[in-house]
Amino acid sequence: MRRLARLWHAHPLLVLAFLAACLLFAGFLIRLLLLAPHWHPDGPPPPLAGWMTPRFIIHAYHLPPEDLGAILGLDRGEKPRATLDQIAAEQGVPLADLLARIAAVIAAQPPQ
């Protein structure tokens, strides 16, 4: 205990910074432990939604990029961060129609 008191008196800011770092680490550790049971990398992908990007759909549903690009009217690598909402708005089509076309291609894929 005397060591801690001596350290506190010699370097109070350093001790406070260390304690703050420990608290931050503990917070992230608790968050990790609470979220870990919900990770299902082999589970079903989320339902199609407007927030998804083409890259996310390709990885989540194991679609060939060419198939999804043909549906969306995009070349490979074009607009990699655009969401389906943005793509539908740019093309002037309802998001529901775009999602239905993507769902049809996903349904036609052989099971993985």
PDB file of N, CA and C in Angstrom:
ATOM      1  N   MET A   1       0.812  -1.182   0.000  1.00  0.00           N
ATOM      2  CA  MET A   1       0.000   0.000   0.000  1.00  0.00           C
ATOM      3  C   MET A   1       0.867   1.263   0.000  1.00  0.00           C
ATOM      4  N   ARG A   2       2.014   1.173   0.637  1.00  0.00           N
ATOM      5  CA  ARG A   2       2.909   2.329   0.662  1.00  0.00           C
ATOM      6  C   ARG A   2       3.441   2.625  -0.735  1.00  0.00           C
ATOM      7  N   ARG A   3       3.623   1.567  -1.538  1.00  0.00           N
ATOM      8  CA  ARG A   3       4.099   1.773  -2.906  1.00  0.00           C
ATOM      9  C   ARG A   3       3.092   2.600  -3.701  1.00  0.00           C
ATOM     10  N   LEU A   4       1.808   2.267  -3.540  1.00  0.00           N
ATOM     11  CA  LEU A   4       0.771   3.008  -4.247  1.00  0.00           C
ATOM     12  C   LEU A   4       0.716   4.456  -3.786  1.00  0.00           C
ATOM     13  N   ALA A   5       0.842   4.675  -2.493  1.00  0.00           N
ATOM     14  CA  ALA A   5       0.832   6.039  -1.963  1.00  0.00           C
ATOM     15  C   ALA A   5       2.027   6.822  -2.480  1.00  0.00           C
ATOM     16  N   ARG A   6       3.169   6.170  -2.533  1.00  0.00           N
ATOM     17  CA  ARG A   6       4.372   6.840  -3.022  1.00  0.00           C
ATOM     18  C   ARG A   6       4.227   7.165  -4.513  1.00  0.00           C
ATOM     19  N   LEU A   7       3.666   6.222  -5.276  1.00  0.00           N
ATOM     20  CA  LEU A   7       3.439   6.445  -6.702  1.00  0.00           C
ATOM     21  C   LEU A   7       2.439   7.584  -6.917  1.00  0.00           C
ATOM     22  N   TRP A   8       1.396   7.613  -6.104  1.00  0.00           N
ATOM     23  CA  TRP A   8       0.387   8.670  -6.210  1.00  0.00           C
ATOM     24  C   TRP A   8       1.011  10.049  -5.934  1.00  0.00           C
ATOM     25  N   HIS A   9       1.833  10.127  -4.934  1.00  0.00           N
ATOM     26  CA  HIS A   9       2.462  11.404  -4.599  1.00  0.00           C
ATOM     27  C   HIS A   9       3.511  11.818  -5.628  1.00  0.00           C
ATOM     28  N   ALA A  10       4.173  10.861  -6.229  1.00  0.00           N
ATOM     29  CA  ALA A  10       5.225  11.181  -7.195  1.00  0.00           C
ATOM     30  C   ALA A  10       4.645  11.542  -8.570  1.00  0.00           C
ATOM     31  N   HIS A  11       3.565  10.824  -9.011  1.00  0.00           N
ATOM     32  CA  HIS A  11       3.026  11.006 -10.368  1.00  0.00           C
ATOM     33  C   HIS A  11       1.492  10.943 -10.352  1.00  0.00           C
ATOM     34  N   PRO A  12       0.822  11.917  -9.786  1.00  0.00           N
ATOM     35  CA  PRO A  12      -0.635  11.834  -9.681  1.00  0.00           C
ATOM     36  C   PRO A  12      -1.346  11.823 -11.038  1.00  0.00           C
ATOM     37  N   LEU A  13      -0.867  12.603 -12.002  1.00  0.00           N
ATOM     38  CA  LEU A  13      -1.526  12.641 -13.311  1.00  0.00           C
ATOM     39  C   LEU A  13      -1.354  11.319 -14.052  1.00  0.00           C
ATOM     40  N   LEU A  14      -0.192  10.743 -13.926  1.00  0.00           N
ATOM     41  CA  LEU A  14       0.058   9.457 -14.568  1.00  0.00           C
ATOM     42  C   LEU A  14      -0.823   8.367 -13.963  1.00  0.00           C
ATOM     43  N   VAL A  15      -0.989   8.381 -12.658  1.00  0.00           N
ATOM     44  CA  VAL A  15      -1.853   7.399 -11.994  1.00  0.00           C
ATOM     45  C   VAL A  15      -3.298   7.604 -12.434  1.00  0.00           C
ATOM     46  N   LEU A  16      -3.753   8.853 -12.530  1.00  0.00           N
ATOM     47  CA  LEU A  16      -5.118   9.130 -12.981  1.00  0.00           C
ATOM     48  C   LEU A  16      -5.330   8.685 -14.427  1.00  0.00           C
ATOM     49  N   ALA A  17      -4.345   8.925 -15.270  1.00  0.00           N
ATOM     50  CA  ALA A  17      -4.447   8.485 -16.664  1.00  0.00           C
ATOM     51  C   ALA A  17      -4.500   6.963 -16.747  1.00  0.00           C
ATOM     52  N   PHE A  18      -3.716   6.293 -15.930  1.00  0.00           N
ATOM     53  CA  PHE A  18      -3.733   4.830 -15.913  1.00  0.00           C
ATOM     54  C   PHE A  18      -5.088   4.312 -15.447  1.00  0.00           C
ATOM     55  N   LEU A  19      -5.648   4.915 -14.411  1.00  0.00           N
ATOM     56  CA  LEU A  19      -6.965   4.494 -13.927  1.00  0.00           C
ATOM     57  C   LEU A  19      -8.050   4.749 -14.960  1.00  0.00           C
ATOM     58  N   ALA A  20      -7.965   5.867 -15.658  1.00  0.00           N
ATOM     59  CA  ALA A  20      -8.931   6.158 -16.717  1.00  0.00           C
ATOM     60  C   ALA A  20      -8.828   5.118 -17.831  1.00  0.00           C
ATOM     61  N   ALA A  21      -7.611   4.755 -18.196  1.00  0.00           N
ATOM     62  CA  ALA A  21      -7.417   3.731 -19.228  1.00  0.00           C
ATOM     63  C   ALA A  21      -7.968   2.384 -18.763  1.00  0.00           C
ATOM     64  N   CYS A  22      -7.789   2.057 -17.499  1.00  0.00           N
ATOM     65  CA  CYS A  22      -8.327   0.800 -16.961  1.00  0.00           C
ATOM     66  C   CYS A  22      -9.852   0.798 -16.993  1.00  0.00           C
ATOM     67  N   LEU A  23     -10.463   1.922 -16.654  1.00  0.00           N
ATOM     68  CA  LEU A  23     -11.922   2.019 -16.701  1.00  0.00           C
ATOM     69  C   LEU A  23     -12.436   1.896 -18.130  1.00  0.00           C
ATOM     70  N   LEU A  24     -11.765   2.532 -19.060  1.00  0.00           N
ATOM     71  CA  LEU A  24     -12.151   2.434 -20.457  1.00  0.00           C
ATOM     72  C   LEU A  24     -12.027   0.996 -20.955  1.00  0.00           C
ATOM     73  N   PHE A  25     -10.940   0.354 -20.612  1.00  0.00           N
ATOM     74  CA  PHE A  25     -10.745  -1.037 -20.991  1.00  0.00           C
ATOM     75  C   PHE A  25     -11.836  -1.920 -20.389  1.00  0.00           C
ATOM     76  N   ALA A  26     -12.172  -1.694 -19.125  1.00  0.00           N
ATOM     77  CA  ALA A  26     -13.213  -2.490 -18.469  1.00  0.00           C
ATOM     78  C   ALA A  26     -14.565  -2.285 -19.154  1.00  0.00           C
ATOM     79  N   GLY A  27     -14.841  -1.060 -19.557  1.00  0.00           N
ATOM     80  CA  GLY A  27     -16.098  -0.798 -20.267  1.00  0.00           C
ATOM     81  C   GLY A  27     -16.166  -1.544 -21.582  1.00  0.00           C
ATOM     82  N   PHE A  28     -15.091  -1.510 -22.365  1.00  0.00           N
ATOM     83  CA  PHE A  28     -15.071  -2.247 -23.627  1.00  0.00           C
ATOM     84  C   PHE A  28     -15.137  -3.752 -23.396  1.00  0.00           C
ATOM     85  N   LEU A  29     -14.499  -4.233 -22.357  1.00  0.00           N
ATOM     86  CA  LEU A  29     -14.531  -5.660 -22.054  1.00  0.00           C
ATOM     87  C   LEU A  29     -15.943  -6.103 -21.684  1.00  0.00           C
ATOM     88  N   ILE A  30     -16.625  -5.320 -20.884  1.00  0.00           N
ATOM     89  CA  ILE A  30     -18.006  -5.656 -20.515  1.00  0.00           C
ATOM     90  C   ILE A  30     -18.892  -5.654 -21.750  1.00  0.00           C
ATOM     91  N   ARG A  31     -18.718  -4.660 -22.602  1.00  0.00           N
ATOM     92  CA  ARG A  31     -19.516  -4.596 -23.826  1.00  0.00           C
ATOM     93  C   ARG A  31     -19.247  -5.817 -24.707  1.00  0.00           C
ATOM     94  N   LEU A  32     -17.995  -6.204 -24.826  1.00  0.00           N
ATOM     95  CA  LEU A  32     -17.637  -7.376 -25.612  1.00  0.00           C
ATOM     96  C   LEU A  32     -18.291  -8.630 -25.047  1.00  0.00           C
ATOM     97  N   LEU A  33     -18.226  -8.796 -23.744  1.00  0.00           N
ATOM     98  CA  LEU A  33     -18.793  -9.985 -23.121  1.00  0.00           C
ATOM     99  C   LEU A  33     -20.311 -10.027 -23.242  1.00  0.00           C
ATOM    100  N   LEU A  34     -20.955  -8.875 -23.244  1.00  0.00           N
ATOM    101  CA  LEU A  34     -22.410  -8.843 -23.386  1.00  0.00           C
ATOM    102  C   LEU A  34     -22.857  -9.106 -24.820  1.00  0.00           C
ATOM    103  N   LEU A  35     -22.040  -8.705 -25.792  1.00  0.00           N
ATOM    104  CA  LEU A  35     -22.421  -8.871 -27.192  1.00  0.00           C
ATOM    105  C   LEU A  35     -21.963 -10.189 -27.792  1.00  0.00           C
ATOM    106  N   ALA A  36     -20.979 -10.830 -27.209  1.00  0.00           N
ATOM    107  CA  ALA A  36     -20.416 -12.056 -27.779  1.00  0.00           C
ATOM    108  C   ALA A  36     -21.445 -13.154 -28.012  1.00  0.00           C
ATOM    109  N   PRO A  37     -22.427 -13.372 -27.119  1.00  0.00           N
ATOM    110  CA  PRO A  37     -23.390 -14.441 -27.395  1.00  0.00           C
ATOM    111  C   PRO A  37     -24.267 -14.181 -28.615  1.00  0.00           C
ATOM    112  N   HIS A  38     -24.319 -12.953 -29.084  1.00  0.00           N
ATOM    113  CA  HIS A  38     -25.177 -12.626 -30.216  1.00  0.00           C
ATOM    114  C   HIS A  38     -24.464 -12.737 -31.559  1.00  0.00           C
ATOM    115  N   TRP A  39     -23.195 -13.090 -31.547  1.00  0.00           N
ATOM    116  CA  TRP A  39     -22.465 -13.224 -32.798  1.00  0.00           C
ATOM    117  C   TRP A  39     -22.779 -14.570 -33.413  1.00  0.00           C
ATOM    118  N   HIS A  40     -23.241 -14.544 -34.630  1.00  0.00           N
ATOM    119  CA  HIS A  40     -23.532 -15.776 -35.357  1.00  0.00           C
ATOM    120  C   HIS A  40     -22.988 -15.637 -36.777  1.00  0.00           C
ATOM    121  N   PRO A  41     -21.698 -15.828 -36.964  1.00  0.00           N
ATOM    122  CA  PRO A  41     -21.149 -15.630 -38.303  1.00  0.00           C
ATOM    123  C   PRO A  41     -21.732 -16.591 -39.328  1.00  0.00           C
ATOM    124  N   ASP A  42     -22.185 -17.753 -38.902  1.00  0.00           N
ATOM    125  CA  ASP A  42     -22.758 -18.705 -39.838  1.00  0.00           C
ATOM    126  C   ASP A  42     -24.276 -18.671 -39.818  1.00  0.00           C
ATOM    127  N   GLY A  43     -24.840 -17.743 -39.106  1.00  0.00           N
ATOM    128  CA  GLY A  43     -26.292 -17.624 -39.020  1.00  0.00           C
ATOM    129  C   GLY A  43     -26.863 -17.009 -40.284  1.00  0.00           C
ATOM    130  N   PRO A  44     -28.177 -16.894 -40.320  1.00  0.00           N
ATOM    131  CA  PRO A  44     -28.800 -16.325 -41.517  1.00  0.00           C
ATOM    132  C   PRO A  44     -28.492 -14.836 -41.631  1.00  0.00           C
ATOM    133  N   PRO A  45     -28.332 -14.351 -42.846  1.00  0.00           N
ATOM    134  CA  PRO A  45     -28.075 -12.919 -43.012  1.00  0.00           C
ATOM    135  C   PRO A  45     -29.331 -12.120 -42.686  1.00  0.00           C
ATOM    136  N   PRO A  46     -29.179 -10.842 -42.403  1.00  0.00           N
ATOM    137  CA  PRO A  46     -30.350 -10.029 -42.095  1.00  0.00           C
ATOM    138  C   PRO A  46     -31.233  -9.870 -43.331  1.00  0.00           C
ATOM    139  N   PRO A  47     -32.505  -9.559 -43.137  1.00  0.00           N
ATOM    140  CA  PRO A  47     -33.377  -9.344 -44.294  1.00  0.00           C
ATOM    141  C   PRO A  47     -32.912  -8.134 -45.107  1.00  0.00           C
ATOM    142  N   LEU A  48     -33.181  -8.170 -46.385  1.00  0.00           N
ATOM    143  CA  LEU A  48     -32.771  -7.075 -47.260  1.00  0.00           C
ATOM    144  C   LEU A  48     -33.385  -5.771 -46.787  1.00  0.00           C
ATOM    145  N   ALA A  49     -32.590  -4.709 -46.824  1.00  0.00           N
ATOM    146  CA  ALA A  49     -33.052  -3.396 -46.392  1.00  0.00           C
ATOM    147  C   ALA A  49     -32.314  -2.316 -47.177  1.00  0.00           C
ATOM    148  N   GLY A  50     -32.859  -1.131 -47.147  1.00  0.00           N
ATOM    149  CA  GLY A  50     -32.312  -0.023 -47.910  1.00  0.00           C
ATOM    150  C   GLY A  50     -30.952   0.465 -47.429  1.00  0.00           C
ATOM    151  N   TRP A  51     -30.584   0.163 -46.188  1.00  0.00           N
ATOM    152  CA  TRP A  51     -29.306   0.635 -45.659  1.00  0.00           C
ATOM    153  C   TRP A  51     -28.125  -0.181 -46.168  1.00  0.00           C
ATOM    154  N   MET A  52     -28.403  -1.327 -46.766  1.00  0.00           N
ATOM    155  CA  MET A  52     -27.332  -2.225 -47.200  1.00  0.00           C
ATOM    156  C   MET A  52     -26.632  -1.690 -48.444  1.00  0.00           C
ATOM    157  N   THR A  53     -25.336  -1.977 -48.523  1.00  0.00           N
ATOM    158  CA  THR A  53     -24.560  -1.624 -49.705  1.00  0.00           C
ATOM    159  C   THR A  53     -24.435  -2.875 -50.579  1.00  0.00           C
ATOM    160  N   PRO A  54     -24.140  -2.696 -51.863  1.00  0.00           N
ATOM    161  CA  PRO A  54     -23.953  -3.882 -52.721  1.00  0.00           C
ATOM    162  C   PRO A  54     -22.878  -4.828 -52.187  1.00  0.00           C
ATOM    163  N   ARG A  55     -21.787  -4.287 -51.674  1.00  0.00           N
ATOM    164  CA  ARG A  55     -20.722  -5.139 -51.144  1.00  0.00           C
ATOM    165  C   ARG A  55     -21.219  -5.985 -49.973  1.00  0.00           C
ATOM    166  N   PHE A  56     -22.031  -5.377 -49.100  1.00  0.00           N
ATOM    167  CA  PHE A  56     -22.574  -6.119 -47.964  1.00  0.00           C
ATOM    168  C   PHE A  56     -23.462  -7.266 -48.451  1.00  0.00           C
ATOM    169  N   ILE A  57     -24.285  -7.001 -49.438  1.00  0.00           N
ATOM    170  CA  ILE A  57     -25.181  -8.042 -49.962  1.00  0.00           C
ATOM    171  C   ILE A  57     -24.383  -9.168 -50.599  1.00  0.00           C
ATOM    172  N   ILE A  58     -23.338  -8.813 -51.334  1.00  0.00           N
ATOM    173  CA  ILE A  58     -22.493  -9.838 -51.969  1.00  0.00           C
ATOM    174  C   ILE A  58     -21.891 -10.760 -50.921  1.00  0.00           C
ATOM    175  N   HIS A  59     -21.397 -10.192 -49.826  1.00  0.00           N
ATOM    176  CA  HIS A  59     -20.772 -11.009 -48.785  1.00  0.00           C
ATOM    177  C   HIS A  59     -21.800 -11.747 -47.933  1.00  0.00           C
ATOM    178  N   ALA A  60     -22.901 -11.111 -47.604  1.00  0.00           N
ATOM    179  CA  ALA A  60     -23.879 -11.731 -46.717  1.00  0.00           C
ATOM    180  C   ALA A  60     -24.642 -12.858 -47.401  1.00  0.00           C
ATOM    181  N   TYR A  61     -24.935 -12.676 -48.668  1.00  0.00           N
ATOM    182  CA  TYR A  61     -25.749 -13.666 -49.376  1.00  0.00           C
ATOM    183  C   TYR A  61     -24.944 -14.512 -50.354  1.00  0.00           C
ATOM    184  N   HIS A  62     -23.632 -14.318 -50.398  1.00  0.00           N
ATOM    185  CA  HIS A  62     -22.730 -15.092 -51.255  1.00  0.00           C
ATOM    186  C   HIS A  62     -23.153 -15.022 -52.722  1.00  0.00           C
ATOM    187  N   LEU A  63     -23.447 -13.809 -53.171  1.00  0.00           N
ATOM    188  CA  LEU A  63     -23.822 -13.595 -54.566  1.00  0.00           C
ATOM    189  C   LEU A  63     -22.592 -13.258 -55.396  1.00  0.00           C
ATOM    190  N   PRO A  64     -22.559 -13.702 -56.641  1.00  0.00           N
ATOM    191  CA  PRO A  64     -21.480 -13.244 -57.519  1.00  0.00           C
ATOM    192  C   PRO A  64     -21.662 -11.744 -57.787  1.00  0.00           C
ATOM    193  N   PRO A  65     -20.584 -10.972 -57.741  1.00  0.00           N
ATOM    194  CA  PRO A  65     -20.705  -9.528 -57.961  1.00  0.00           C
ATOM    195  C   PRO A  65     -21.340  -9.179 -59.307  1.00  0.00           C
ATOM    196  N   GLU A  66     -21.087 -10.002 -60.313  1.00  0.00           N
ATOM    197  CA  GLU A  66     -21.638  -9.722 -61.639  1.00  0.00           C
ATOM    198  C   GLU A  66     -23.166  -9.798 -61.625  1.00  0.00           C
ATOM    199  N   ASP A  67     -23.727 -10.773 -60.881  1.00  0.00           N
ATOM    200  CA  ASP A  67     -25.185 -10.917 -60.825  1.00  0.00           C
ATOM    201  C   ASP A  67     -25.831  -9.710 -60.163  1.00  0.00           C
ATOM    202  N   LEU A  68     -25.273  -9.290 -59.037  1.00  0.00           N
ATOM    203  CA  LEU A  68     -25.843  -8.139 -58.350  1.00  0.00           C
ATOM    204  C   LEU A  68     -25.621  -6.865 -59.157  1.00  0.00           C
ATOM    205  N   GLY A  69     -24.471  -6.738 -59.800  1.00  0.00           N
ATOM    206  CA  GLY A  69     -24.206  -5.572 -60.634  1.00  0.00           C
ATOM    207  C   GLY A  69     -25.181  -5.457 -61.788  1.00  0.00           C
ATOM    208  N   ALA A  70     -25.563  -6.599 -62.367  1.00  0.00           N
ATOM    209  CA  ALA A  70     -26.526  -6.579 -63.464  1.00  0.00           C
ATOM    210  C   ALA A  70     -27.892  -6.097 -62.981  1.00  0.00           C
ATOM    211  N   ILE A  71     -28.285  -6.497 -61.792  1.00  0.00           N
ATOM    212  CA  ILE A  71     -29.581  -6.074 -61.240  1.00  0.00           C
ATOM    213  C   ILE A  71     -29.572  -4.580 -60.941  1.00  0.00           C
ATOM    214  N   LEU A  72     -28.487  -4.122 -60.359  1.00  0.00           N
ATOM    215  CA  LEU A  72     -28.407  -2.726 -59.937  1.00  0.00           C
ATOM    216  C   LEU A  72     -27.970  -1.786 -61.056  1.00  0.00           C
ATOM    217  N   GLY A  73     -27.511  -2.333 -62.160  1.00  0.00           N
ATOM    218  CA  GLY A  73     -27.037  -1.498 -63.248  1.00  0.00           C
ATOM    219  C   GLY A  73     -25.710  -0.827 -62.942  1.00  0.00           C
ATOM    220  N   LEU A  74     -24.872  -1.515 -62.174  1.00  0.00           N
ATOM    221  CA  LEU A  74     -23.576  -0.976 -61.786  1.00  0.00           C
ATOM    222  C   LEU A  74     -22.461  -1.862 -62.316  1.00  0.00           C
ATOM    223  N   ASP A  75     -21.344  -1.229 -62.667  1.00  0.00           N
ATOM    224  CA  ASP A  75     -20.150  -1.987 -63.022  1.00  0.00           C
ATOM    225  C   ASP A  75     -19.419  -2.359 -61.750  1.00  0.00           C
ATOM    226  N   ARG A  76     -18.556  -3.346 -61.844  1.00  0.00           N
ATOM    227  CA  ARG A  76     -17.814  -3.803 -60.667  1.00  0.00           C
ATOM    228  C   ARG A  76     -16.964  -2.659 -60.106  1.00  0.00           C
ATOM    229  N   GLY A  77     -17.120  -2.409 -58.802  1.00  0.00           N
ATOM    230  CA  GLY A  77     -16.370  -1.360 -58.137  1.00  0.00           C
ATOM    231  C   GLY A  77     -16.989   0.022 -58.238  1.00  0.00           C
ATOM    232  N   GLU A  78     -18.068   0.156 -58.978  1.00  0.00           N
ATOM    233  CA  GLU A  78     -18.729   1.455 -59.114  1.00  0.00           C
ATOM    234  C   GLU A  78     -19.612   1.714 -57.892  1.00  0.00           C
ATOM    235  N   LYS A  79     -19.475   2.864 -57.289  1.00  0.00           N
ATOM    236  CA  LYS A  79     -20.251   3.278 -56.112  1.00  0.00           C
ATOM    237  C   LYS A  79     -20.201   2.225 -55.006  1.00  0.00           C
ATOM    238  N   PRO A  80     -19.022   1.907 -54.497  1.00  0.00           N
ATOM    239  CA  PRO A  80     -18.920   0.825 -53.511  1.00  0.00           C
ATOM    240  C   PRO A  80     -19.600   1.133 -52.179  1.00  0.00           C
ATOM    241  N   ARG A  81     -19.799   2.402 -51.853  1.00  0.00           N
ATOM    242  CA  ARG A  81     -20.394   2.751 -50.555  1.00  0.00           C
ATOM    243  C   ARG A  81     -21.826   3.229 -50.663  1.00  0.00           C
ATOM    244  N   ALA A  82     -22.391   3.216 -51.845  1.00  0.00           N
ATOM    245  CA  ALA A  82     -23.770   3.659 -52.021  1.00  0.00           C
ATOM    246  C   ALA A  82     -24.732   2.626 -51.436  1.00  0.00           C
ATOM    247  N   THR A  83     -25.744   3.096 -50.732  1.00  0.00           N
ATOM    248  CA  THR A  83     -26.739   2.181 -50.174  1.00  0.00           C
ATOM    249  C   THR A  83     -27.808   1.891 -51.225  1.00  0.00           C
ATOM    250  N   LEU A  84     -28.602   0.872 -50.967  1.00  0.00           N
ATOM    251  CA  LEU A  84     -29.678   0.557 -51.897  1.00  0.00           C
ATOM    252  C   LEU A  84     -30.684   1.701 -51.980  1.00  0.00           C
ATOM    253  N   ASP A  85     -30.907   2.401 -50.880  1.00  0.00           N
ATOM    254  CA  ASP A  85     -31.772   3.589 -50.896  1.00  0.00           C
ATOM    255  C   ASP A  85     -31.257   4.609 -51.905  1.00  0.00           C
ATOM    256  N   GLN A  86     -29.973   4.889 -51.859  1.00  0.00           N
ATOM    257  CA  GLN A  86     -29.377   5.880 -52.754  1.00  0.00           C
ATOM    258  C   GLN A  86     -29.415   5.414 -54.201  1.00  0.00           C
ATOM    259  N   ILE A  87     -29.130   4.132 -54.422  1.00  0.00           N
ATOM    260  CA  ILE A  87     -29.138   3.603 -55.789  1.00  0.00           C
ATOM    261  C   ILE A  87     -30.538   3.657 -56.367  1.00  0.00           C
ATOM    262  N   ALA A  88     -31.546   3.281 -55.582  1.00  0.00           N
ATOM    263  CA  ALA A  88     -32.934   3.324 -56.059  1.00  0.00           C
ATOM    264  C   ALA A  88     -33.357   4.756 -56.379  1.00  0.00           C
ATOM    265  N   ALA A  89     -32.964   5.707 -55.539  1.00  0.00           N
ATOM    266  CA  ALA A  89     -33.316   7.108 -55.781  1.00  0.00           C
ATOM    267  C   ALA A  89     -32.651   7.625 -57.053  1.00  0.00           C
ATOM    268  N   GLU A  90     -31.385   7.273 -57.260  1.00  0.00           N
ATOM    269  CA  GLU A  90     -30.673   7.718 -58.465  1.00  0.00           C
ATOM    270  C   GLU A  90     -31.281   7.129 -59.729  1.00  0.00           C
ATOM    271  N   GLN A  91     -31.756   5.889 -59.651  1.00  0.00           N
ATOM    272  CA  GLN A  91     -32.334   5.233 -60.820  1.00  0.00           C
ATOM    273  C   GLN A  91     -33.808   5.554 -60.991  1.00  0.00           C
ATOM    274  N   GLY A  92     -34.414   6.160 -59.979  1.00  0.00           N
ATOM    275  CA  GLY A  92     -35.830   6.525 -60.068  1.00  0.00           C
ATOM    276  C   GLY A  92     -36.770   5.337 -59.965  1.00  0.00           C
ATOM    277  N   VAL A  93     -36.343   4.297 -59.268  1.00  0.00           N
ATOM    278  CA  VAL A  93     -37.215   3.131 -59.069  1.00  0.00           C
ATOM    279  C   VAL A  93     -37.551   3.024 -57.585  1.00  0.00           C
ATOM    280  N   PRO A  94     -38.717   2.477 -57.257  1.00  0.00           N
ATOM    281  CA  PRO A  94     -39.036   2.287 -55.840  1.00  0.00           C
ATOM    282  C   PRO A  94     -38.082   1.277 -55.201  1.00  0.00           C
ATOM    283  N   LEU A  95     -37.747   1.526 -53.960  1.00  0.00           N
ATOM    284  CA  LEU A  95     -36.843   0.627 -53.242  1.00  0.00           C
ATOM    285  C   LEU A  95     -37.426  -0.778 -53.168  1.00  0.00           C
ATOM    286  N   ALA A  96     -38.737  -0.892 -53.000  1.00  0.00           N
ATOM    287  CA  ALA A  96     -39.370  -2.214 -52.904  1.00  0.00           C
ATOM    288  C   ALA A  96     -39.135  -3.036 -54.171  1.00  0.00           C
ATOM    289  N   ASP A  97     -39.186  -2.386 -55.341  1.00  0.00           N
ATOM    290  CA  ASP A  97     -38.937  -3.111 -56.589  1.00  0.00           C
ATOM    291  C   ASP A  97     -37.496  -3.598 -56.673  1.00  0.00           C
ATOM    292  N   LEU A  98     -36.574  -2.742 -56.269  1.00  0.00           N
ATOM    293  CA  LEU A  98     -35.159  -3.117 -56.276  1.00  0.00           C
ATOM    294  C   LEU A  98     -34.904  -4.276 -55.321  1.00  0.00           C
ATOM    295  N   LEU A  99     -35.490  -4.216 -54.138  1.00  0.00           N
ATOM    296  CA  LEU A  99     -35.332  -5.302 -53.163  1.00  0.00           C
ATOM    297  C   LEU A  99     -35.949  -6.598 -53.674  1.00  0.00           C
ATOM    298  N   ALA A 100     -37.080  -6.503 -54.365  1.00  0.00           N
ATOM    299  CA  ALA A 100     -37.725  -7.706 -54.909  1.00  0.00           C
ATOM    300  C   ALA A 100     -36.848  -8.351 -55.978  1.00  0.00           C
ATOM    301  N   ARG A 101     -36.215  -7.536 -56.826  1.00  0.00           N
ATOM    302  CA  ARG A 101     -35.330  -8.100 -57.854  1.00  0.00           C
ATOM    303  C   ARG A 101     -34.124  -8.789 -57.220  1.00  0.00           C
ATOM    304  N   ILE A 102     -33.572  -8.170 -56.186  1.00  0.00           N
ATOM    305  CA  ILE A 102     -32.431  -8.783 -55.491  1.00  0.00           C
ATOM    306  C   ILE A 102     -32.860 -10.069 -54.799  1.00  0.00           C
ATOM    307  N   ALA A 103     -34.023 -10.051 -54.164  1.00  0.00           N
ATOM    308  CA  ALA A 103     -34.523 -11.255 -53.483  1.00  0.00           C
ATOM    309  C   ALA A 103     -34.748 -12.389 -54.468  1.00  0.00           C
ATOM    310  N   ALA A 104     -35.189 -12.077 -55.679  1.00  0.00           N
ATOM    311  CA  ALA A 104     -35.396 -13.119 -56.693  1.00  0.00           C
ATOM    312  C   ALA A 104     -34.072 -13.775 -57.082  1.00  0.00           C
ATOM    313  N   VAL A 105     -33.018 -12.979 -57.208  1.00  0.00           N
ATOM    314  CA  VAL A 105     -31.707 -13.545 -57.552  1.00  0.00           C
ATOM    315  C   VAL A 105     -31.166 -14.370 -56.390  1.00  0.00           C
ATOM    316  N   ILE A 106     -31.393 -13.911 -55.177  1.00  0.00           N
ATOM    317  CA  ILE A 106     -30.931 -14.673 -54.001  1.00  0.00           C
ATOM    318  C   ILE A 106     -31.655 -16.004 -53.929  1.00  0.00           C
ATOM    319  N   ALA A 107     -32.966 -15.983 -54.199  1.00  0.00           N
ATOM    320  CA  ALA A 107     -33.748 -17.232 -54.152  1.00  0.00           C
ATOM    321  C   ALA A 107     -33.310 -18.200 -55.251  1.00  0.00           C
ATOM    322  N   ALA A 108     -32.836 -17.683 -56.360  1.00  0.00           N
ATOM    323  CA  ALA A 108     -32.419 -18.548 -57.467  1.00  0.00           C
ATOM    324  C   ALA A 108     -31.037 -19.157 -57.249  1.00  0.00           C
ATOM    325  N   GLN A 109     -30.296 -18.646 -56.264  1.00  0.00           N
ATOM    326  CA  GLN A 109     -28.961 -19.178 -55.970  1.00  0.00           C
ATOM    327  C   GLN A 109     -29.072 -20.582 -55.375  1.00  0.00           C
ATOM    328  N   PRO A 110     -28.145 -21.461 -55.720  1.00  0.00           N
ATOM    329  CA  PRO A 110     -28.132 -22.778 -55.067  1.00  0.00           C
ATOM    330  C   PRO A 110     -27.768 -22.619 -53.589  1.00  0.00           C
ATOM    331  N   PRO A 111     -28.312 -23.470 -52.729  1.00  0.00           N
ATOM    332  CA  PRO A 111     -28.002 -23.346 -51.298  1.00  0.00           C
ATOM    333  C   PRO A 111     -26.518 -23.580 -51.043  1.00  0.00           C
ATOM    334  N   GLN A 112     -25.997 -22.849 -50.059  1.00  0.00           N
ATOM    335  CA  GLN A 112     -24.571 -22.926 -49.733  1.00  0.00           C
ATOM    336  C   GLN A 112     -24.327 -23.991 -48.699  1.00  0.00           C
TER     337      GLN A 112
END
